[in-house]
Amino acid sequence: MTSSLLRPPGHLSPATALQLSQQAPNIIKNSPGAVTASAFSSLFSAPETPELWTIYENLLLSCLRTGDEESAHLCLGRLVNRFGDDNERVMALIGIMKEADATDDATLEVVLKEYEALLQENPTNTPIVKRRVALLRSLGRIPDAVTALTGLLDFSPTDSEAWSELSDIYFSQGMYGQAIYALEEVLVLQPNAWNIHARIGELLLMSIKSGDQNDSAKQLGEALKRFCRSIELCDDYLRGYYGLKITTTQLLEDPPKPSKQAESDGLSPPNLPTLQKLDGLATEKLGEITRRFTAGERGWQGFDEAEIVAARELLEKSSSTTVR
């Protein structure tokens, strides 16, 4: 249970978040960090650890996801008592609580003005800048959110989380080229991030489907390389194999006309035997992952169930096509 609370809350499944929220009262009761009656009693309490405050923060966010605002307020109280309400990270958590308590857009606008007032005092308060961006997005003010993010990246260009958020905003607006560019900036900072390589591959495929790109041979060749790099860095990454299977299937069934630009950039799709080998590899690995996950084998349960379902459907579709 503690290991789940030490993971980034956004990576927790809804079921895990619910389970943590249900146990929140006991976790809070049995964890140190409460206000003690005297300085002497604190001498006999359990020692604090850095992990303790990560647990409180992640538990707060899990409780908000499941509607347990009472436990979330208790977690926030522990953090405020320990670090004060002028701590930048605590400021952001206080803001999250206010957003959760808001009942309409007018109340959210009040919270937004509070963020802006805090940024007037300290424009480089990164947690508050990010909360402001999230709130602007939820209010549908996308241009303002982009402006706020680019402003953040002006004074903190090595913030990979901000680049990822910017990419997601561009993607939501169908701006695939800009979304890919932002993720390439993430790779400059984290070159071995296999999930980012795969995500770029996905965006390239979507840009082709939307008609956003003219040179499909080049885009497919780059997508293929991105997925291959992803599984090279993580040999059990389901999304990497899924993307590889989609790309090889498309190249085998409807190969694009080779372009001079793709050849000059070294992004021409590989020859037929290589494509067939890659397709076979993707098929075999997706089959293994879905089979072992379904069998409940130990060490194979960390996959997202929705992705497992999608992989199984892709394999069934591929199998039925082959039979025909």
C-alpha atoms as a PDB file:
ATOM      1  CA  MET A   1       0.000   0.000   0.000  1.00  0.00           C
ATOM      2  CA  THR A   2       2.827   2.404   0.900  1.00  0.00           C
ATOM      3  CA  SER A   3       4.492   1.750  -2.459  1.00  0.00           C
ATOM      4  CA  SER A   4       1.308   2.886  -4.241  1.00  0.00           C
ATOM      5  CA  LEU A   5       1.293   6.104  -2.224  1.00  0.00           C
ATOM      6  CA  LEU A   6       4.857   6.836  -3.274  1.00  0.00           C
ATOM      7  CA  ARG A   7       4.002   6.645  -6.971  1.00  0.00           C
ATOM      8  CA  PRO A   8       2.831   9.727  -8.898  1.00  0.00           C
ATOM      9  CA  PRO A   9      -0.951   9.842  -8.299  1.00  0.00           C
ATOM     10  CA  GLY A  10      -1.715  10.336 -11.978  1.00  0.00           C
ATOM     11  CA  HIS A  11      -0.313   6.841 -12.634  1.00  0.00           C
ATOM     12  CA  LEU A  12      -2.677   5.141 -10.205  1.00  0.00           C
ATOM     13  CA  SER A  13      -5.632   3.282 -11.654  1.00  0.00           C
ATOM     14  CA  PRO A  14      -9.130   4.346 -10.516  1.00  0.00           C
ATOM     15  CA  ALA A  15      -9.435   1.095  -8.549  1.00  0.00           C
ATOM     16  CA  THR A  16      -6.155   1.714  -6.706  1.00  0.00           C
ATOM     17  CA  ALA A  17      -7.090   5.337  -5.988  1.00  0.00           C
ATOM     18  CA  LEU A  18     -10.424   4.182  -4.552  1.00  0.00           C
ATOM     19  CA  GLN A  19      -8.721   1.564  -2.409  1.00  0.00           C
ATOM     20  CA  LEU A  20      -6.293   4.158  -1.023  1.00  0.00           C
ATOM     21  CA  SER A  21      -9.106   6.614  -0.362  1.00  0.00           C
ATOM     22  CA  GLN A  22     -11.093   4.010   1.555  1.00  0.00           C
ATOM     23  CA  GLN A  23      -8.084   3.388   3.806  1.00  0.00           C
ATOM     24  CA  ALA A  24      -7.264   7.093   4.189  1.00  0.00           C
ATOM     25  CA  PRO A  25      -8.743   7.534   7.709  1.00  0.00           C
ATOM     26  CA  ASN A  26      -6.637   4.676   9.104  1.00  0.00           C
ATOM     27  CA  ILE A  27      -3.510   5.791   7.252  1.00  0.00           C
ATOM     28  CA  ILE A  28      -3.877   9.328   8.596  1.00  0.00           C
ATOM     29  CA  LYS A  29      -4.619   8.120  12.121  1.00  0.00           C
ATOM     30  CA  ASN A  30      -1.596   5.829  12.246  1.00  0.00           C
ATOM     31  CA  SER A  31       0.875   8.165  10.550  1.00  0.00           C
ATOM     32  CA  PRO A  32       2.992  10.726  12.387  1.00  0.00           C
ATOM     33  CA  GLY A  33       2.778  14.412  11.634  1.00  0.00           C
ATOM     34  CA  ALA A  34      -0.278  15.454  13.607  1.00  0.00           C
ATOM     35  CA  VAL A  35      -0.139  18.507  15.832  1.00  0.00           C
ATOM     36  CA  THR A  36       0.954  17.257  19.247  1.00  0.00           C
ATOM     37  CA  ALA A  37      -0.251  18.524  22.567  1.00  0.00           C
ATOM     38  CA  SER A  38       3.208  19.572  23.719  1.00  0.00           C
ATOM     39  CA  ALA A  39       6.803  19.696  22.662  1.00  0.00           C
ATOM     40  CA  PHE A  40       7.542  16.793  25.012  1.00  0.00           C
ATOM     41  CA  SER A  41       5.039  14.426  23.412  1.00  0.00           C
ATOM     42  CA  SER A  42       6.653  14.985  20.021  1.00  0.00           C
ATOM     43  CA  LEU A  43       9.861  13.493  21.395  1.00  0.00           C
ATOM     44  CA  PHE A  44       8.144  10.117  21.681  1.00  0.00           C
ATOM     45  CA  SER A  45       6.345  10.183  18.309  1.00  0.00           C
ATOM     46  CA  ALA A  46       7.506   8.258  15.266  1.00  0.00           C
ATOM     47  CA  PRO A  47      10.256  10.032  13.323  1.00  0.00           C
ATOM     48  CA  GLU A  48       9.412  11.918  10.158  1.00  0.00           C
ATOM     49  CA  THR A  49      10.726  10.762   6.810  1.00  0.00           C
ATOM     50  CA  PRO A  50      10.688  12.442   3.380  1.00  0.00           C
ATOM     51  CA  GLU A  51       8.392   9.667   2.204  1.00  0.00           C
ATOM     52  CA  LEU A  52       5.798  10.621   4.826  1.00  0.00           C
ATOM     53  CA  TRP A  53       5.035  13.937   3.180  1.00  0.00           C
ATOM     54  CA  THR A  54       4.912  12.354  -0.272  1.00  0.00           C
ATOM     55  CA  ILE A  55       2.353   9.915   1.151  1.00  0.00           C
ATOM     56  CA  TYR A  56       0.219  12.739   2.529  1.00  0.00           C
ATOM     57  CA  GLU A  57       0.326  14.627  -0.765  1.00  0.00           C
ATOM     58  CA  ASN A  58      -0.525  11.596  -2.895  1.00  0.00           C
ATOM     59  CA  LEU A  59      -3.213  10.475  -0.455  1.00  0.00           C
ATOM     60  CA  LEU A  60      -4.759  13.955  -0.663  1.00  0.00           C
ATOM     61  CA  LEU A  61      -4.950  13.733  -4.448  1.00  0.00           C
ATOM     62  CA  SER A  62      -6.339  10.180  -4.362  1.00  0.00           C
ATOM     63  CA  CYS A  63      -9.041  11.259  -1.909  1.00  0.00           C
ATOM     64  CA  LEU A  64     -10.021  14.146  -4.162  1.00  0.00           C
ATOM     65  CA  ARG A  65     -10.328  11.742  -7.111  1.00  0.00           C
ATOM     66  CA  THR A  66     -12.836   9.656  -5.168  1.00  0.00           C
ATOM     67  CA  GLY A  67     -14.744  12.469  -3.448  1.00  0.00           C
ATOM     68  CA  ASP A  68     -13.413  11.986   0.091  1.00  0.00           C
ATOM     69  CA  GLU A  69     -12.865  15.675   0.738  1.00  0.00           C
ATOM     70  CA  GLU A  70     -12.812  15.240   4.513  1.00  0.00           C
ATOM     71  CA  SER A  71      -9.698  13.044   4.412  1.00  0.00           C
ATOM     72  CA  ALA A  72      -8.165  15.333   1.773  1.00  0.00           C
ATOM     73  CA  HIS A  73      -8.570  18.299   4.121  1.00  0.00           C
ATOM     74  CA  LEU A  74      -6.939  16.326   6.923  1.00  0.00           C
ATOM     75  CA  CYS A  75      -3.941  15.549   4.711  1.00  0.00           C
ATOM     76  CA  LEU A  76      -3.702  19.182   3.698  1.00  0.00           C
ATOM     77  CA  GLY A  77      -3.814  20.231   7.340  1.00  0.00           C
ATOM     78  CA  ARG A  78      -0.848  17.992   8.134  1.00  0.00           C
ATOM     79  CA  LEU A  79       1.136  19.500   5.271  1.00  0.00           C
ATOM     80  CA  VAL A  80       0.260  23.084   6.233  1.00  0.00           C
ATOM     81  CA  ASN A  81       1.210  22.430   9.861  1.00  0.00           C
ATOM     82  CA  ARG A  82       4.568  21.047   8.772  1.00  0.00           C
ATOM     83  CA  PHE A  83       5.590  23.409   5.959  1.00  0.00           C
ATOM     84  CA  GLY A  84       3.368  26.476   6.357  1.00  0.00           C
ATOM     85  CA  ASP A  85       0.909  27.950   3.897  1.00  0.00           C
ATOM     86  CA  ASP A  86       3.601  30.042   2.218  1.00  0.00           C
ATOM     87  CA  ASN A  87       5.410  26.974   0.868  1.00  0.00           C
ATOM     88  CA  GLU A  88       5.041  26.939  -2.928  1.00  0.00           C
ATOM     89  CA  ARG A  89       4.035  23.294  -3.141  1.00  0.00           C
ATOM     90  CA  VAL A  90       1.543  23.682  -0.299  1.00  0.00           C
ATOM     91  CA  MET A  91       0.120  26.775  -2.011  1.00  0.00           C
ATOM     92  CA  ALA A  92      -0.660  24.657  -5.058  1.00  0.00           C
ATOM     93  CA  LEU A  93      -2.330  21.971  -2.914  1.00  0.00           C
ATOM     94  CA  ILE A  94      -4.453  24.621  -1.221  1.00  0.00           C
ATOM     95  CA  GLY A  95      -5.434  25.803  -4.682  1.00  0.00           C
ATOM     96  CA  ILE A  96      -6.377  22.261  -5.721  1.00  0.00           C
ATOM     97  CA  MET A  97      -8.619  21.986  -2.668  1.00  0.00           C
ATOM     98  CA  LYS A  98     -10.328  25.272  -3.550  1.00  0.00           C
ATOM     99  CA  GLU A  99     -10.855  24.074  -7.115  1.00  0.00           C
ATOM    100  CA  ALA A 100     -12.347  20.833  -5.814  1.00  0.00           C
ATOM    101  CA  ASP A 101     -14.680  22.755  -3.486  1.00  0.00           C
ATOM    102  CA  ALA A 102     -15.834  25.102  -6.265  1.00  0.00           C
ATOM    103  CA  THR A 103     -19.412  24.549  -7.423  1.00  0.00           C
ATOM    104  CA  ASP A 104     -19.437  26.651 -10.595  1.00  0.00           C
ATOM    105  CA  ASP A 105     -17.239  28.510 -13.070  1.00  0.00           C
ATOM    106  CA  ALA A 106     -17.685  31.792 -11.209  1.00  0.00           C
ATOM    107  CA  THR A 107     -16.050  30.273  -8.128  1.00  0.00           C
ATOM    108  CA  LEU A 108     -13.241  28.876 -10.270  1.00  0.00           C
ATOM    109  CA  GLU A 109     -12.665  32.344 -11.694  1.00  0.00           C
ATOM    110  CA  VAL A 110     -12.176  33.585  -8.114  1.00  0.00           C
ATOM    111  CA  VAL A 111      -9.549  30.877  -7.571  1.00  0.00           C
ATOM    112  CA  LEU A 112      -7.914  31.885 -10.856  1.00  0.00           C
ATOM    113  CA  LYS A 113      -7.654  35.495  -9.648  1.00  0.00           C
ATOM    114  CA  GLU A 114      -6.026  34.252  -6.448  1.00  0.00           C
ATOM    115  CA  TYR A 115      -3.423  32.413  -8.540  1.00  0.00           C
ATOM    116  CA  GLU A 116      -2.781  35.559 -10.548  1.00  0.00           C
ATOM    117  CA  ALA A 117      -2.368  37.586  -7.352  1.00  0.00           C
ATOM    118  CA  LEU A 118       0.204  35.088  -6.069  1.00  0.00           C
ATOM    119  CA  LEU A 119       2.062  35.285  -9.381  1.00  0.00           C
ATOM    120  CA  GLN A 120       2.145  39.057  -9.152  1.00  0.00           C
ATOM    121  CA  GLU A 121       4.200  38.574  -5.986  1.00  0.00           C
ATOM    122  CA  ASN A 122       6.354  35.794  -7.440  1.00  0.00           C
ATOM    123  CA  PRO A 123       6.094  35.171 -11.208  1.00  0.00           C
ATOM    124  CA  THR A 124       8.405  32.150 -10.933  1.00  0.00           C
ATOM    125  CA  ASN A 125       6.204  30.210  -8.507  1.00  0.00           C
ATOM    126  CA  THR A 126       6.172  27.104 -10.696  1.00  0.00           C
ATOM    127  CA  PRO A 127       3.513  25.051  -8.833  1.00  0.00           C
ATOM    128  CA  ILE A 128       1.080  27.974  -9.006  1.00  0.00           C
ATOM    129  CA  VAL A 129       1.857  28.598 -12.682  1.00  0.00           C
ATOM    130  CA  LYS A 130       1.008  24.956 -13.405  1.00  0.00           C
ATOM    131  CA  ARG A 131      -2.214  25.128 -11.377  1.00  0.00           C
ATOM    132  CA  ARG A 132      -3.178  28.242 -13.306  1.00  0.00           C
ATOM    133  CA  VAL A 133      -2.547  26.440 -16.601  1.00  0.00           C
ATOM    134  CA  ALA A 134      -4.680  23.470 -15.499  1.00  0.00           C
ATOM    135  CA  LEU A 135      -7.494  25.764 -14.415  1.00  0.00           C
ATOM    136  CA  LEU A 136      -7.365  27.764 -17.645  1.00  0.00           C
ATOM    137  CA  ARG A 137      -7.672  24.506 -19.593  1.00  0.00           C
ATOM    138  CA  SER A 138     -10.643  23.369 -17.535  1.00  0.00           C
ATOM    139  CA  LEU A 139     -12.337  26.716 -18.191  1.00  0.00           C
ATOM    140  CA  GLY A 140     -11.751  26.307 -21.928  1.00  0.00           C
ATOM    141  CA  ARG A 141      -9.324  29.216 -22.180  1.00  0.00           C
ATOM    142  CA  ILE A 142      -6.814  27.344 -24.314  1.00  0.00           C
ATOM    143  CA  PRO A 143      -4.905  30.339 -25.807  1.00  0.00           C
ATOM    144  CA  ASP A 144      -4.353  31.715 -22.289  1.00  0.00           C
ATOM    145  CA  ALA A 145      -3.145  28.291 -21.118  1.00  0.00           C
ATOM    146  CA  VAL A 146      -0.636  28.111 -23.988  1.00  0.00           C
ATOM    147  CA  THR A 147       0.599  31.626 -23.221  1.00  0.00           C
ATOM    148  CA  ALA A 148       1.040  30.736 -19.555  1.00  0.00           C
ATOM    149  CA  LEU A 149       2.954  27.554 -20.399  1.00  0.00           C
ATOM    150  CA  THR A 150       5.267  29.224 -22.885  1.00  0.00           C
ATOM    151  CA  GLY A 151       5.913  31.898 -20.261  1.00  0.00           C
ATOM    152  CA  LEU A 152       6.863  29.180 -17.787  1.00  0.00           C
ATOM    153  CA  LEU A 153       9.208  27.601 -20.314  1.00  0.00           C
ATOM    154  CA  ASP A 154      10.866  30.968 -20.897  1.00  0.00           C
ATOM    155  CA  PHE A 155      12.209  30.973 -17.342  1.00  0.00           C
ATOM    156  CA  SER A 156      12.341  27.185 -16.913  1.00  0.00           C
ATOM    157  CA  PRO A 157      13.183  25.626 -20.304  1.00  0.00           C
ATOM    158  CA  THR A 158      14.254  22.328 -18.699  1.00  0.00           C
ATOM    159  CA  ASP A 159      10.816  21.577 -17.254  1.00  0.00           C
ATOM    160  CA  SER A 160       9.903  18.369 -19.087  1.00  0.00           C
ATOM    161  CA  GLU A 161       6.478  18.235 -17.423  1.00  0.00           C
ATOM    162  CA  ALA A 162       5.627  21.653 -18.879  1.00  0.00           C
ATOM    163  CA  TRP A 163       6.758  20.586 -22.353  1.00  0.00           C
ATOM    164  CA  SER A 164       4.573  17.452 -22.065  1.00  0.00           C
ATOM    165  CA  GLU A 165       1.583  19.529 -20.996  1.00  0.00           C
ATOM    166  CA  LEU A 166       2.139  21.923 -23.887  1.00  0.00           C
ATOM    167  CA  SER A 167       2.246  18.965 -26.276  1.00  0.00           C
ATOM    168  CA  ASP A 168      -1.025  17.659 -24.870  1.00  0.00           C
ATOM    169  CA  ILE A 169      -2.697  21.036 -25.362  1.00  0.00           C
ATOM    170  CA  TYR A 170      -1.516  21.227 -28.970  1.00  0.00           C
ATOM    171  CA  PHE A 171      -2.727  17.664 -29.551  1.00  0.00           C
ATOM    172  CA  SER A 172      -6.163  18.501 -28.152  1.00  0.00           C
ATOM    173  CA  GLN A 173      -6.385  21.249 -30.780  1.00  0.00           C
ATOM    174  CA  GLY A 174      -5.302  18.960 -33.630  1.00  0.00           C
ATOM    175  CA  MET A 175      -1.943  20.744 -33.966  1.00  0.00           C
ATOM    176  CA  TYR A 176       0.152  17.601 -34.446  1.00  0.00           C
ATOM    177  CA  GLY A 177       3.326  19.259 -35.675  1.00  0.00           C
ATOM    178  CA  GLN A 178       3.527  21.531 -32.641  1.00  0.00           C
ATOM    179  CA  ALA A 179       2.665  18.636 -30.329  1.00  0.00           C
ATOM    180  CA  ILE A 180       5.498  16.541 -31.769  1.00  0.00           C
ATOM    181  CA  TYR A 181       7.939  19.450 -31.477  1.00  0.00           C
ATOM    182  CA  ALA A 182       7.114  19.868 -27.777  1.00  0.00           C
ATOM    183  CA  LEU A 183       7.710  16.161 -27.117  1.00  0.00           C
ATOM    184  CA  GLU A 184      11.009  16.317 -28.964  1.00  0.00           C
ATOM    185  CA  GLU A 185      12.026  18.926 -26.392  1.00  0.00           C
ATOM    186  CA  VAL A 186      11.151  16.399 -23.699  1.00  0.00           C
ATOM    187  CA  LEU A 187      13.493  13.896 -25.345  1.00  0.00           C
ATOM    188  CA  VAL A 188      16.294  16.454 -25.290  1.00  0.00           C
ATOM    189  CA  LEU A 189      15.925  16.408 -21.504  1.00  0.00           C
ATOM    190  CA  GLN A 190      15.072  12.705 -21.131  1.00  0.00           C
ATOM    191  CA  PRO A 191      16.454  10.861 -24.171  1.00  0.00           C
ATOM    192  CA  ASN A 192      15.662   7.410 -22.769  1.00  0.00           C
ATOM    193  CA  ALA A 193      11.973   8.089 -22.067  1.00  0.00           C
ATOM    194  CA  TRP A 194      10.503   5.147 -23.989  1.00  0.00           C
ATOM    195  CA  ASN A 195       6.929   6.344 -23.495  1.00  0.00           C
ATOM    196  CA  ILE A 196       7.725   9.671 -25.171  1.00  0.00           C
ATOM    197  CA  HIS A 197       9.272   7.931 -28.186  1.00  0.00           C
ATOM    198  CA  ALA A 198       6.093   5.857 -28.536  1.00  0.00           C
ATOM    199  CA  ARG A 199       3.875   8.907 -28.057  1.00  0.00           C
ATOM    200  CA  ILE A 200       5.653  10.720 -30.883  1.00  0.00           C
ATOM    201  CA  GLY A 201       5.066   7.651 -33.036  1.00  0.00           C
ATOM    202  CA  GLU A 202       1.359   7.773 -32.186  1.00  0.00           C
ATOM    203  CA  LEU A 203       1.150  11.463 -33.046  1.00  0.00           C
ATOM    204  CA  LEU A 204       2.853  10.822 -36.380  1.00  0.00           C
ATOM    205  CA  LEU A 205       0.276   8.151 -37.228  1.00  0.00           C
ATOM    206  CA  MET A 206      -2.581  10.439 -36.221  1.00  0.00           C
ATOM    207  CA  SER A 207      -1.170  13.289 -38.291  1.00  0.00           C
ATOM    208  CA  ILE A 208      -1.170  11.014 -41.359  1.00  0.00           C
ATOM    209  CA  LYS A 209      -4.742   9.903 -40.722  1.00  0.00           C
ATOM    210  CA  SER A 210      -5.913  13.498 -40.323  1.00  0.00           C
ATOM    211  CA  GLY A 211      -4.273  14.538 -43.589  1.00  0.00           C
ATOM    212  CA  ASP A 212      -2.041  16.945 -41.702  1.00  0.00           C
ATOM    213  CA  GLN A 213       1.078  15.569 -43.391  1.00  0.00           C
ATOM    214  CA  ASN A 214       1.764  15.264 -47.122  1.00  0.00           C
ATOM    215  CA  ASP A 215       4.768  12.907 -47.064  1.00  0.00           C
ATOM    216  CA  SER A 216       3.244   9.733 -45.598  1.00  0.00           C
ATOM    217  CA  ALA A 217       6.311   7.641 -46.471  1.00  0.00           C
ATOM    218  CA  LYS A 218       8.503   9.860 -44.334  1.00  0.00           C
ATOM    219  CA  GLN A 219       5.994  10.004 -41.481  1.00  0.00           C
ATOM    220  CA  LEU A 220       5.485   6.231 -41.438  1.00  0.00           C
ATOM    221  CA  GLY A 221       9.227   5.652 -41.555  1.00  0.00           C
ATOM    222  CA  GLU A 222       9.779   7.991 -38.610  1.00  0.00           C
ATOM    223  CA  ALA A 223       6.880   6.468 -36.658  1.00  0.00           C
ATOM    224  CA  LEU A 224       8.365   3.016 -37.190  1.00  0.00           C
ATOM    225  CA  LYS A 225      11.729   4.167 -35.855  1.00  0.00           C
ATOM    226  CA  ARG A 226      10.084   5.791 -32.836  1.00  0.00           C
ATOM    227  CA  PHE A 227       8.244   2.617 -31.891  1.00  0.00           C
ATOM    228  CA  CYS A 228      11.357   0.520 -32.408  1.00  0.00           C
ATOM    229  CA  ARG A 229      13.345   2.840 -30.156  1.00  0.00           C
ATOM    230  CA  SER A 230      10.602   2.660 -27.550  1.00  0.00           C
ATOM    231  CA  ILE A 231      10.678  -1.132 -27.294  1.00  0.00           C
ATOM    232  CA  GLU A 232      14.472  -1.118 -27.462  1.00  0.00           C
ATOM    233  CA  LEU A 233      14.465   0.954 -24.277  1.00  0.00           C
ATOM    234  CA  CYS A 234      11.666  -1.051 -22.635  1.00  0.00           C
ATOM    235  CA  ASP A 235      11.154  -4.524 -24.036  1.00  0.00           C
ATOM    236  CA  ASP A 236       7.753  -5.000 -22.354  1.00  0.00           C
ATOM    237  CA  TYR A 237       6.195  -1.655 -23.308  1.00  0.00           C
ATOM    238  CA  LEU A 238       2.777  -2.578 -24.644  1.00  0.00           C
ATOM    239  CA  ARG A 239       2.042   0.749 -26.383  1.00  0.00           C
ATOM    240  CA  GLY A 240       5.344   0.494 -28.226  1.00  0.00           C
ATOM    241  CA  TYR A 241       4.494  -2.941 -29.618  1.00  0.00           C
ATOM    242  CA  TYR A 242       0.930  -1.853 -30.355  1.00  0.00           C
ATOM    243  CA  GLY A 243       2.179   1.119 -32.380  1.00  0.00           C
ATOM    244  CA  LEU A 244       4.753  -1.056 -34.129  1.00  0.00           C
ATOM    245  CA  LYS A 245       2.028  -3.536 -35.121  1.00  0.00           C
ATOM    246  CA  ILE A 246      -0.208  -0.746 -36.475  1.00  0.00           C
ATOM    247  CA  THR A 247       2.650   0.772 -38.477  1.00  0.00           C
ATOM    248  CA  THR A 248       3.991  -2.459 -39.965  1.00  0.00           C
ATOM    249  CA  THR A 249       0.476  -3.571 -40.887  1.00  0.00           C
ATOM    250  CA  GLN A 250      -0.120  -0.327 -42.737  1.00  0.00           C
ATOM    251  CA  LEU A 251       3.211  -0.504 -44.524  1.00  0.00           C
ATOM    252  CA  LEU A 252       2.644  -4.128 -45.551  1.00  0.00           C
ATOM    253  CA  GLU A 253      -0.957  -3.677 -46.701  1.00  0.00           C
ATOM    254  CA  ASP A 254      -0.688  -0.265 -48.332  1.00  0.00           C
ATOM    255  CA  PRO A 255       2.944   0.768 -48.785  1.00  0.00           C
ATOM    256  CA  PRO A 256       3.321   4.472 -49.641  1.00  0.00           C
ATOM    257  CA  LYS A 257       5.239   5.659 -52.638  1.00  0.00           C
ATOM    258  CA  PRO A 258       8.857   6.341 -51.694  1.00  0.00           C
ATOM    259  CA  SER A 259       9.767  10.024 -51.566  1.00  0.00           C
ATOM    260  CA  LYS A 260      13.088  11.748 -52.112  1.00  0.00           C
ATOM    261  CA  GLN A 261      12.629  13.669 -48.855  1.00  0.00           C
ATOM    262  CA  ALA A 262      12.197  10.448 -46.865  1.00  0.00           C
ATOM    263  CA  GLU A 263      15.290   8.946 -48.465  1.00  0.00           C
ATOM    264  CA  SER A 264      17.410  12.034 -47.847  1.00  0.00           C
ATOM    265  CA  ASP A 265      16.328  12.126 -44.198  1.00  0.00           C
ATOM    266  CA  GLY A 266      17.017   8.417 -43.736  1.00  0.00           C
ATOM    267  CA  LEU A 267      13.355   7.780 -42.897  1.00  0.00           C
ATOM    268  CA  SER A 268      12.316   5.545 -45.770  1.00  0.00           C
ATOM    269  CA  PRO A 269      10.426   2.421 -44.598  1.00  0.00           C
ATOM    270  CA  PRO A 270      12.642  -0.704 -44.521  1.00  0.00           C
ATOM    271  CA  ASN A 271      12.460  -3.489 -47.082  1.00  0.00           C
ATOM    272  CA  LEU A 272       9.746  -6.150 -47.089  1.00  0.00           C
ATOM    273  CA  PRO A 273      11.634  -8.899 -45.170  1.00  0.00           C
ATOM    274  CA  THR A 274      12.506  -6.461 -42.386  1.00  0.00           C
ATOM    275  CA  LEU A 275       8.909  -5.239 -42.164  1.00  0.00           C
ATOM    276  CA  GLN A 276       7.668  -8.820 -41.921  1.00  0.00           C
ATOM    277  CA  LYS A 277      10.129  -9.579 -39.121  1.00  0.00           C
ATOM    278  CA  LEU A 278       9.073  -6.472 -37.189  1.00  0.00           C
ATOM    279  CA  ASP A 279       5.421  -7.330 -37.696  1.00  0.00           C
ATOM    280  CA  GLY A 280       6.036 -10.853 -36.417  1.00  0.00           C
ATOM    281  CA  LEU A 281       7.915  -9.519 -33.394  1.00  0.00           C
ATOM    282  CA  ALA A 282       5.078  -7.130 -32.503  1.00  0.00           C
ATOM    283  CA  THR A 283       2.472  -9.877 -32.956  1.00  0.00           C
ATOM    284  CA  GLU A 284       4.395 -12.355 -30.821  1.00  0.00           C
ATOM    285  CA  LYS A 285       5.047  -9.890 -28.004  1.00  0.00           C
ATOM    286  CA  LEU A 286       1.487  -8.542 -27.892  1.00  0.00           C
ATOM    287  CA  GLY A 287       0.257 -12.125 -27.764  1.00  0.00           C
ATOM    288  CA  GLU A 288       2.582 -12.947 -24.887  1.00  0.00           C
ATOM    289  CA  ILE A 289       1.596  -9.840 -22.892  1.00  0.00           C
ATOM    290  CA  THR A 290      -2.150 -10.363 -23.306  1.00  0.00           C
ATOM    291  CA  ARG A 291      -1.900 -14.097 -22.585  1.00  0.00           C
ATOM    292  CA  ARG A 292       0.184 -13.760 -19.419  1.00  0.00           C
ATOM    293  CA  PHE A 293      -1.852 -10.805 -18.153  1.00  0.00           C
ATOM    294  CA  THR A 294      -5.092 -12.732 -18.649  1.00  0.00           C
ATOM    295  CA  ALA A 295      -3.615 -15.773 -16.898  1.00  0.00           C
ATOM    296  CA  GLY A 296      -2.809 -13.578 -13.898  1.00  0.00           C
ATOM    297  CA  GLU A 297       0.883 -14.439 -13.943  1.00  0.00           C
ATOM    298  CA  ARG A 298       2.990 -12.715 -11.358  1.00  0.00           C
ATOM    299  CA  GLY A 299       5.022  -9.839 -12.769  1.00  0.00           C
ATOM    300  CA  TRP A 300       2.636  -9.352 -15.692  1.00  0.00           C
ATOM    301  CA  GLN A 301      -0.159  -7.415 -13.970  1.00  0.00           C
ATOM    302  CA  GLY A 302       1.136  -3.868 -14.285  1.00  0.00           C
ATOM    303  CA  PHE A 303      -0.547  -3.177 -17.626  1.00  0.00           C
ATOM    304  CA  ASP A 304      -3.579  -0.990 -18.155  1.00  0.00           C
ATOM    305  CA  GLU A 305      -6.580  -3.247 -18.704  1.00  0.00           C
ATOM    306  CA  ALA A 306      -8.016  -1.031 -21.455  1.00  0.00           C
ATOM    307  CA  GLU A 307      -4.724  -1.302 -23.359  1.00  0.00           C
ATOM    308  CA  ILE A 308      -4.795  -5.086 -22.963  1.00  0.00           C
ATOM    309  CA  VAL A 309      -8.294  -5.146 -24.460  1.00  0.00           C
ATOM    310  CA  ALA A 310      -7.179  -2.953 -27.369  1.00  0.00           C
ATOM    311  CA  ALA A 311      -4.149  -5.182 -28.009  1.00  0.00           C
ATOM    312  CA  ARG A 312      -6.307  -8.304 -27.985  1.00  0.00           C
ATOM    313  CA  GLU A 313      -8.751  -6.754 -30.471  1.00  0.00           C
ATOM    314  CA  LEU A 314      -5.871  -5.718 -32.724  1.00  0.00           C
ATOM    315  CA  LEU A 315      -4.495  -9.270 -32.747  1.00  0.00           C
ATOM    316  CA  GLU A 316      -7.941 -10.739 -33.465  1.00  0.00           C
ATOM    317  CA  LYS A 317      -8.433  -8.304 -36.323  1.00  0.00           C
ATOM    318  CA  SER A 318      -5.004  -9.130 -37.735  1.00  0.00           C
ATOM    319  CA  SER A 319      -5.683 -12.862 -37.422  1.00  0.00           C
ATOM    320  CA  SER A 320      -9.048 -12.641 -39.187  1.00  0.00           C
ATOM    321  CA  THR A 321      -7.489 -10.591 -41.995  1.00  0.00           C
ATOM    322  CA  THR A 322      -4.754 -13.193 -42.442  1.00  0.00           C
ATOM    323  CA  VAL A 323      -7.298 -16.060 -42.589  1.00  0.00           C
ATOM    324  CA  ARG A 324      -9.275 -14.333 -45.317  1.00  0.00           C
END
